Amino acid sequence: MKFSATINIKLKKQIKDAKGEAVSAVLSRIGLEDKAKVRIGKIFELEVNAENEDAAKTKLNKIIFDVLMNPIVETYEITTFEVIN
């Protein structure tokens, strides 16, 4: 079976987001938003092959932890997960 998933990865709340702060500064400087709190993350869309839903989720978690994120400073959420034909 083939499964599709969308994964949202972002910095943990206690980790300083330098890129987000830079965007916040630009928004303030150009007058669009004075006190914006911007956090920047990454979104991945993946398709995986697996025997069943549990095997697909296990495979996704391994991909996420081994390849896509740094679990020391980042957190993740699987926002969509579905079987595709």
PDB file of N, CA and C in Angstrom:
ATOM      1  N   MET A   1       0.849  -1.186   0.000  1.00  0.00           N
ATOM      2  CA  MET A   1       0.000   0.000   0.000  1.00  0.00           C
ATOM      3  C   MET A   1       0.885   1.236   0.000  1.00  0.00           C
ATOM      4  N   LYS A   2       0.349   2.305  -0.514  1.00  0.00           N
ATOM      5  CA  LYS A   2       1.073   3.577  -0.531  1.00  0.00           C
ATOM      6  C   LYS A   2       0.338   4.570   0.371  1.00  0.00           C
ATOM      7  N   PHE A   3       1.136   5.305   1.162  1.00  0.00           N
ATOM      8  CA  PHE A   3       0.592   6.277   2.099  1.00  0.00           C
ATOM      9  C   PHE A   3       1.208   7.642   1.832  1.00  0.00           C
ATOM     10  N   SER A   4       0.421   8.669   2.063  1.00  0.00           N
ATOM     11  CA  SER A   4       0.871  10.051   1.911  1.00  0.00           C
ATOM     12  C   SER A   4       0.795  10.738   3.271  1.00  0.00           C
ATOM     13  N   ALA A   5       1.815  11.536   3.568  1.00  0.00           N
ATOM     14  CA  ALA A   5       1.838  12.252   4.842  1.00  0.00           C
ATOM     15  C   ALA A   5       2.431  13.643   4.658  1.00  0.00           C
ATOM     16  N   THR A   6       1.951  14.559   5.471  1.00  0.00           N
ATOM     17  CA  THR A   6       2.517  15.895   5.546  1.00  0.00           C
ATOM     18  C   THR A   6       3.063  16.070   6.951  1.00  0.00           C
ATOM     19  N   ILE A   7       4.321  16.493   7.033  1.00  0.00           N
ATOM     20  CA  ILE A   7       4.994  16.639   8.324  1.00  0.00           C
ATOM     21  C   ILE A   7       5.421  18.080   8.495  1.00  0.00           C
ATOM     22  N   ASN A   8       5.079  18.648   9.646  1.00  0.00           N
ATOM     23  CA  ASN A   8       5.450  20.015   9.997  1.00  0.00           C
ATOM     24  C   ASN A   8       6.535  19.933  11.065  1.00  0.00           C
ATOM     25  N   ILE A   9       7.707  20.504  10.786  1.00  0.00           N
ATOM     26  CA  ILE A   9       8.821  20.496  11.725  1.00  0.00           C
ATOM     27  C   ILE A   9       9.141  21.940  12.083  1.00  0.00           C
ATOM     28  N   LYS A  10       9.297  22.188  13.391  1.00  0.00           N
ATOM     29  CA  LYS A  10       9.641  23.534  13.834  1.00  0.00           C
ATOM     30  C   LYS A  10      10.541  23.460  15.060  1.00  0.00           C
ATOM     31  N   LEU A  11      11.175  24.578  15.345  1.00  0.00           N
ATOM     32  CA  LEU A  11      12.038  24.644  16.522  1.00  0.00           C
ATOM     33  C   LEU A  11      11.200  24.537  17.787  1.00  0.00           C
ATOM     34  N   LYS A  12      11.764  23.900  18.809  1.00  0.00           N
ATOM     35  CA  LYS A  12      11.100  23.856  20.110  1.00  0.00           C
ATOM     36  C   LYS A  12      10.938  25.284  20.614  1.00  0.00           C
ATOM     37  N   LYS A  13       9.905  25.510  21.424  1.00  0.00           N
ATOM     38  CA  LYS A  13       9.587  26.869  21.881  1.00  0.00           C
ATOM     39  C   LYS A  13      10.748  27.534  22.620  1.00  0.00           C
ATOM     40  N   GLN A  14      11.546  26.763  23.351  1.00  0.00           N
ATOM     41  CA  GLN A  14      12.631  27.349  24.131  1.00  0.00           C
ATOM     42  C   GLN A  14      13.876  27.653  23.291  1.00  0.00           C
ATOM     43  N   ILE A  15      13.871  27.259  22.016  1.00  0.00           N
ATOM     44  CA  ILE A  15      15.004  27.503  21.125  1.00  0.00           C
ATOM     45  C   ILE A  15      14.798  28.825  20.397  1.00  0.00           C
ATOM     46  N   LYS A  16      15.830  29.656  20.431  1.00  0.00           N
ATOM     47  CA  LYS A  16      15.777  30.956  19.743  1.00  0.00           C
ATOM     48  C   LYS A  16      15.666  30.735  18.233  1.00  0.00           C
ATOM     49  N   ASP A  17      14.734  31.424  17.589  1.00  0.00           N
ATOM     50  CA  ASP A  17      14.510  31.323  16.153  1.00  0.00           C
ATOM     51  C   ASP A  17      15.061  32.578  15.481  1.00  0.00           C
ATOM     52  N   ALA A  18      16.331  32.546  15.112  1.00  0.00           N
ATOM     53  CA  ALA A  18      16.982  33.715  14.523  1.00  0.00           C
ATOM     54  C   ALA A  18      16.322  34.141  13.210  1.00  0.00           C
ATOM     55  N   LYS A  19      15.930  33.180  12.383  1.00  0.00           N
ATOM     56  CA  LYS A  19      15.268  33.526  11.117  1.00  0.00           C
ATOM     57  C   LYS A  19      13.912  34.179  11.381  1.00  0.00           C
ATOM     58  N   GLY A  20      13.171  33.649  12.336  1.00  0.00           N
ATOM     59  CA  GLY A  20      11.887  34.246  12.695  1.00  0.00           C
ATOM     60  C   GLY A  20      12.054  35.659  13.216  1.00  0.00           C
ATOM     61  N   GLU A  21      13.083  35.862  14.034  1.00  0.00           N
ATOM     62  CA  GLU A  21      13.345  37.206  14.555  1.00  0.00           C
ATOM     63  C   GLU A  21      13.715  38.172  13.434  1.00  0.00           C
ATOM     64  N   ALA A  22      14.456  37.694  12.438  1.00  0.00           N
ATOM     65  CA  ALA A  22      14.812  38.542  11.300  1.00  0.00           C
ATOM     66  C   ALA A  22      13.567  38.956  10.522  1.00  0.00           C
ATOM     67  N   VAL A  23      12.659  38.030  10.308  1.00  0.00           N
ATOM     68  CA  VAL A  23      11.409  38.359   9.606  1.00  0.00           C
ATOM     69  C   VAL A  23      10.597  39.345  10.445  1.00  0.00           C
ATOM     70  N   SER A  24      10.531  39.131  11.749  1.00  0.00           N
ATOM     71  CA  SER A  24       9.814  40.061  12.635  1.00  0.00           C
ATOM     72  C   SER A  24      10.388  41.462  12.532  1.00  0.00           C
ATOM     73  N   ALA A  25      11.719  41.556  12.486  1.00  0.00           N
ATOM     74  CA  ALA A  25      12.376  42.865  12.385  1.00  0.00           C
ATOM     75  C   ALA A  25      12.030  43.554  11.068  1.00  0.00           C
ATOM     76  N   VAL A  26      11.994  42.802   9.986  1.00  0.00           N
ATOM     77  CA  VAL A  26      11.644  43.373   8.678  1.00  0.00           C
ATOM     78  C   VAL A  26      10.198  43.867   8.692  1.00  0.00           C
ATOM     79  N   LEU A  27       9.290  43.057   9.247  1.00  0.00           N
ATOM     80  CA  LEU A  27       7.883  43.473   9.319  1.00  0.00           C
ATOM     81  C   LEU A  27       7.730  44.773  10.088  1.00  0.00           C
ATOM     82  N   SER A  28       8.483  44.911  11.160  1.00  0.00           N
ATOM     83  CA  SER A  28       8.443  46.143  11.957  1.00  0.00           C
ATOM     84  C   SER A  28       9.045  47.308  11.175  1.00  0.00           C
ATOM     85  N   ARG A  29      10.197  47.061  10.544  1.00  0.00           N
ATOM     86  CA  ARG A  29      10.904  48.121   9.827  1.00  0.00           C
ATOM     87  C   ARG A  29      10.085  48.677   8.669  1.00  0.00           C
ATOM     88  N   ILE A  30       9.331  47.818   7.981  1.00  0.00           N
ATOM     89  CA  ILE A  30       8.557  48.312   6.832  1.00  0.00           C
ATOM     90  C   ILE A  30       7.136  48.719   7.226  1.00  0.00           C
ATOM     91  N   GLY A  31       6.833  48.642   8.526  1.00  0.00           N
ATOM     92  CA  GLY A  31       5.573  49.162   9.026  1.00  0.00           C
ATOM     93  C   GLY A  31       4.364  48.244   8.864  1.00  0.00           C
ATOM     94  N   LEU A  32       4.581  46.961   8.625  1.00  0.00           N
ATOM     95  CA  LEU A  32       3.446  46.056   8.457  1.00  0.00           C
ATOM     96  C   LEU A  32       2.947  45.481   9.784  1.00  0.00           C
ATOM     97  N   GLU A  33       3.855  45.239  10.712  1.00  0.00           N
ATOM     98  CA  GLU A  33       3.473  44.681  12.007  1.00  0.00           C
ATOM     99  C   GLU A  33       4.549  45.043  13.020  1.00  0.00           C
ATOM    100  N   ASP A  34       4.133  45.757  14.063  1.00  0.00           N
ATOM    101  CA  ASP A  34       5.097  46.253  15.039  1.00  0.00           C
ATOM    102  C   ASP A  34       5.699  45.171  15.925  1.00  0.00           C
ATOM    103  N   LYS A  35       4.877  44.299  16.453  1.00  0.00           N
ATOM    104  CA  LYS A  35       5.377  43.303  17.411  1.00  0.00           C
ATOM    105  C   LYS A  35       5.029  41.887  16.971  1.00  0.00           C
ATOM    106  N   ALA A  36       5.373  41.571  15.738  1.00  0.00           N
ATOM    107  CA  ALA A  36       5.097  40.231  15.212  1.00  0.00           C
ATOM    108  C   ALA A  36       5.985  39.209  15.917  1.00  0.00           C
ATOM    109  N   LYS A  37       5.425  38.059  16.194  1.00  0.00           N
ATOM    110  CA  LYS A  37       6.208  36.939  16.714  1.00  0.00           C
ATOM    111  C   LYS A  37       6.186  35.869  15.627  1.00  0.00           C
ATOM    112  N   VAL A  38       7.281  35.761  14.915  1.00  0.00           N
ATOM    113  CA  VAL A  38       7.371  34.849  13.784  1.00  0.00           C
ATOM    114  C   VAL A  38       8.247  33.661  14.171  1.00  0.00           C
ATOM    115  N   ARG A  39       7.753  32.446  13.903  1.00  0.00           N
ATOM    116  CA  ARG A  39       8.525  31.212  14.065  1.00  0.00           C
ATOM    117  C   ARG A  39       8.543  30.540  12.694  1.00  0.00           C
ATOM    118  N   ILE A  40       9.705  30.129  12.250  1.00  0.00           N
ATOM    119  CA  ILE A  40       9.841  29.538  10.930  1.00  0.00           C
ATOM    120  C   ILE A  40      10.061  28.036  11.071  1.00  0.00           C
ATOM    121  N   GLY A  41       9.402  27.263  10.216  1.00  0.00           N
ATOM    122  CA  GLY A  41       9.542  25.817  10.238  1.00  0.00           C
ATOM    123  C   GLY A  41       9.685  25.263   8.834  1.00  0.00           C
ATOM    124  N   LYS A  42       9.537  23.945   8.747  1.00  0.00           N
ATOM    125  CA  LYS A  42       9.654  23.260   7.467  1.00  0.00           C
ATOM    126  C   LYS A  42       8.449  22.334   7.312  1.00  0.00           C
ATOM    127  N   ILE A  43       7.966  22.198   6.087  1.00  0.00           N
ATOM    128  CA  ILE A  43       6.882  21.270   5.792  1.00  0.00           C
ATOM    129  C   ILE A  43       7.386  20.282   4.742  1.00  0.00           C
ATOM    130  N   PHE A  44       7.169  19.002   5.020  1.00  0.00           N
ATOM    131  CA  PHE A  44       7.547  17.945   4.090  1.00  0.00           C
ATOM    132  C   PHE A  44       6.300  17.166   3.693  1.00  0.00           C
ATOM    133  N   GLU A  45       6.197  16.831   2.421  1.00  0.00           N
ATOM    134  CA  GLU A  45       5.148  15.943   1.930  1.00  0.00           C
ATOM    135  C   GLU A  45       5.841  14.688   1.434  1.00  0.00           C
ATOM    136  N   LEU A  46       5.470  13.551   2.014  1.00  0.00           N
ATOM    137  CA  LEU A  46       6.124  12.291   1.684  1.00  0.00           C
ATOM    138  C   LEU A  46       5.114  11.242   1.252  1.00  0.00           C
ATOM    139  N   GLU A  47       5.556  10.339   0.388  1.00  0.00           N
ATOM    140  CA  GLU A  47       4.804   9.136   0.064  1.00  0.00           C
ATOM    141  C   GLU A  47       5.692   7.962   0.426  1.00  0.00           C
ATOM    142  N   VAL A  48       5.138   6.996   1.175  1.00  0.00           N
ATOM    143  CA  VAL A  48       5.881   5.808   1.557  1.00  0.00           C
ATOM    144  C   VAL A  48       5.071   4.565   1.231  1.00  0.00           C
ATOM    145  N   ASN A  49       5.777   3.494   0.967  1.00  0.00           N
ATOM    146  CA  ASN A  49       5.152   2.198   0.746  1.00  0.00           C
ATOM    147  C   ASN A  49       5.288   1.367   2.011  1.00  0.00           C
ATOM    148  N   ALA A  50       4.202   0.706   2.400  1.00  0.00           N
ATOM    149  CA  ALA A  50       4.223  -0.147   3.587  1.00  0.00           C
ATOM    150  C   ALA A  50       3.077  -1.147   3.498  1.00  0.00           C
ATOM    151  N   GLU A  51       3.178  -2.204   4.286  1.00  0.00           N
ATOM    152  CA  GLU A  51       2.166  -3.256   4.306  1.00  0.00           C
ATOM    153  C   GLU A  51       0.830  -2.784   4.897  1.00  0.00           C
ATOM    154  N   ASN A  52       0.930  -1.892   5.899  1.00  0.00           N
ATOM    155  CA  ASN A  52      -0.277  -1.419   6.579  1.00  0.00           C
ATOM    156  C   ASN A  52      -0.009  -0.060   7.223  1.00  0.00           C
ATOM    157  N   GLU A  53      -1.029   0.499   7.858  1.00  0.00           N
ATOM    158  CA  GLU A  53      -0.929   1.830   8.441  1.00  0.00           C
ATOM    159  C   GLU A  53       0.130   1.898   9.545  1.00  0.00           C
ATOM    160  N   ASP A  54       0.164   0.891  10.417  1.00  0.00           N
ATOM    161  CA  ASP A  54       1.158   0.898  11.500  1.00  0.00           C
ATOM    162  C   ASP A  54       2.579   0.863  10.959  1.00  0.00           C
ATOM    163  N   ALA A  55       2.818   0.033   9.953  1.00  0.00           N
ATOM    164  CA  ALA A  55       4.152  -0.047   9.351  1.00  0.00           C
ATOM    165  C   ALA A  55       4.527   1.274   8.678  1.00  0.00           C
ATOM    166  N   ALA A  56       3.553   1.911   8.043  1.00  0.00           N
ATOM    167  CA  ALA A  56       3.810   3.208   7.396  1.00  0.00           C
ATOM    168  C   ALA A  56       4.173   4.267   8.435  1.00  0.00           C
ATOM    169  N   LYS A  57       3.452   4.302   9.545  1.00  0.00           N
ATOM    170  CA  LYS A  57       3.749   5.288  10.591  1.00  0.00           C
ATOM    171  C   LYS A  57       5.118   5.026  11.214  1.00  0.00           C
ATOM    172  N   THR A  58       5.463   3.756  11.398  1.00  0.00           N
ATOM    173  CA  THR A  58       6.795   3.420  11.923  1.00  0.00           C
ATOM    174  C   THR A  58       7.874   3.895  10.965  1.00  0.00           C
ATOM    175  N   LYS A  59       7.672   3.647   9.679  1.00  0.00           N
ATOM    176  CA  LYS A  59       8.638   4.083   8.670  1.00  0.00           C
ATOM    177  C   LYS A  59       8.745   5.607   8.644  1.00  0.00           C
ATOM    178  N   LEU A  60       7.606   6.303   8.700  1.00  0.00           N
ATOM    179  CA  LEU A  60       7.618   7.769   8.712  1.00  0.00           C
ATOM    180  C   LEU A  60       8.395   8.311   9.910  1.00  0.00           C
ATOM    181  N   ASN A  61       8.147   7.754  11.082  1.00  0.00           N
ATOM    182  CA  ASN A  61       8.852   8.218  12.269  1.00  0.00           C
ATOM    183  C   ASN A  61      10.354   8.016  12.145  1.00  0.00           C
ATOM    184  N   LYS A  62      10.785   6.905  11.563  1.00  0.00           N
ATOM    185  CA  LYS A  62      12.212   6.671  11.360  1.00  0.00           C
ATOM    186  C   LYS A  62      12.785   7.697  10.385  1.00  0.00           C
ATOM    187  N   ILE A  63      12.072   7.953   9.295  1.00  0.00           N
ATOM    188  CA  ILE A  63      12.519   8.961   8.323  1.00  0.00           C
ATOM    189  C   ILE A  63      12.631  10.328   8.999  1.00  0.00           C
ATOM    190  N   ILE A  64      11.628  10.689   9.778  1.00  0.00           N
ATOM    191  CA  ILE A  64      11.610  11.988  10.441  1.00  0.00           C
ATOM    192  C   ILE A  64      12.806  12.122  11.383  1.00  0.00           C
ATOM    193  N   PHE A  65      13.001  11.126  12.257  1.00  0.00           N
ATOM    194  CA  PHE A  65      14.065  11.220  13.261  1.00  0.00           C
ATOM    195  C   PHE A  65      15.464  11.042  12.680  1.00  0.00           C
ATOM    196  N   ASP A  66      15.601  10.207  11.647  1.00  0.00           N
ATOM    197  CA  ASP A  66      16.928   9.936  11.095  1.00  0.00           C
ATOM    198  C   ASP A  66      17.363  10.910  10.012  1.00  0.00           C
ATOM    199  N   VAL A  67      16.397  11.563   9.346  1.00  0.00           N
ATOM    200  CA  VAL A  67      16.745  12.373   8.181  1.00  0.00           C
ATOM    201  C   VAL A  67      16.231  13.816   8.250  1.00  0.00           C
ATOM    202  N   LEU A  68      14.982  14.010   8.614  1.00  0.00           N
ATOM    203  CA  LEU A  68      14.347  15.316   8.433  1.00  0.00           C
ATOM    204  C   LEU A  68      14.550  16.307   9.572  1.00  0.00           C
ATOM    205  N   MET A  69      14.752  15.830  10.793  1.00  0.00           N
ATOM    206  CA  MET A  69      14.781  16.760  11.920  1.00  0.00           C
ATOM    207  C   MET A  69      15.927  16.472  12.866  1.00  0.00           C
ATOM    208  N   ASN A  70      16.201  17.451  13.707  1.00  0.00           N
ATOM    209  CA  ASN A  70      17.138  17.308  14.812  1.00  0.00           C
ATOM    210  C   ASN A  70      16.308  17.282  16.091  1.00  0.00           C
ATOM    211  N   PRO A  71      16.098  16.104  16.691  1.00  0.00           N
ATOM    212  CA  PRO A  71      15.203  16.009  17.855  1.00  0.00           C
ATOM    213  C   PRO A  71      15.672  16.772  19.085  1.00  0.00           C
ATOM    214  N   ILE A  72      16.912  17.219  19.084  1.00  0.00           N
ATOM    215  CA  ILE A  72      17.407  18.003  20.221  1.00  0.00           C
ATOM    216  C   ILE A  72      16.792  19.400  20.216  1.00  0.00           C
ATOM    217  N   VAL A  73      16.631  19.992  19.039  1.00  0.00           N
ATOM    218  CA  VAL A  73      16.145  21.372  18.964  1.00  0.00           C
ATOM    219  C   VAL A  73      14.814  21.521  18.234  1.00  0.00           C
ATOM    220  N   GLU A  74      14.338  20.448  17.579  1.00  0.00           N
ATOM    221  CA  GLU A  74      13.110  20.554  16.792  1.00  0.00           C
ATOM    222  C   GLU A  74      12.045  19.574  17.290  1.00  0.00           C
ATOM    223  N   THR A  75      10.815  19.908  16.960  1.00  0.00           N
ATOM    224  CA  THR A  75       9.670  19.051  17.233  1.00  0.00           C
ATOM    225  C   THR A  75       8.916  18.871  15.923  1.00  0.00           C
ATOM    226  N   TYR A  76       8.048  17.859  15.880  1.00  0.00           N
ATOM    227  CA  TYR A  76       7.322  17.622  14.630  1.00  0.00           C
ATOM    228  C   TYR A  76       5.880  17.224  14.901  1.00  0.00           C
ATOM    229  N   GLU A  77       5.085  17.359  13.851  1.00  0.00           N
ATOM    230  CA  GLU A  77       3.698  16.934  13.874  1.00  0.00           C
ATOM    231  C   GLU A  77       3.356  16.385  12.491  1.00  0.00           C
ATOM    232  N   ILE A  78       2.736  15.217  12.454  1.00  0.00           N
ATOM    233  CA  ILE A  78       2.225  14.684  11.193  1.00  0.00           C
ATOM    234  C   ILE A  78       0.825  15.265  11.044  1.00  0.00           C
ATOM    235  N   THR A  79       0.671  16.176  10.082  1.00  0.00           N
ATOM    236  CA  THR A  79      -0.602  16.921   9.972  1.00  0.00           C
ATOM    237  C   THR A  79      -1.615  16.228   9.075  1.00  0.00           C
ATOM    238  N   THR A  80      -1.143  15.450   8.094  1.00  0.00           N
ATOM    239  CA  THR A  80      -2.064  14.639   7.293  1.00  0.00           C
ATOM    240  C   THR A  80      -1.433  13.265   7.096  1.00  0.00           C
ATOM    241  N   PHE A  81      -2.283  12.258   7.031  1.00  0.00           N
ATOM    242  CA  PHE A  81      -1.825  10.885   6.799  1.00  0.00           C
ATOM    243  C   PHE A  81      -2.981  10.141   6.149  1.00  0.00           C
ATOM    244  N   GLU A  82      -2.731   9.603   4.938  1.00  0.00           N
ATOM    245  CA  GLU A  82      -3.808   8.916   4.243  1.00  0.00           C
ATOM    246  C   GLU A  82      -3.277   7.866   3.290  1.00  0.00           C
ATOM    247  N   VAL A  83      -4.135   6.921   2.972  1.00  0.00           N
ATOM    248  CA  VAL A  83      -3.831   5.916   1.959  1.00  0.00           C
ATOM    249  C   VAL A  83      -4.072   6.539   0.594  1.00  0.00           C
ATOM    250  N   ILE A  84      -3.163   6.281  -0.329  1.00  0.00           N
ATOM    251  CA  ILE A  84      -3.370   6.759  -1.697  1.00  0.00           C
ATOM    252  C   ILE A  84      -3.369   5.570  -2.638  1.00  0.00           C
ATOM    253  N   ASN A  85      -4.041   5.719  -3.744  1.00  0.00           N
ATOM    254  CA  ASN A  85      -4.138   4.623  -4.717  1.00  0.00           C
ATOM    255  C   ASN A  85      -3.143   4.795  -5.836  1.00  0.00           C
TER     256      ASN A  85
END
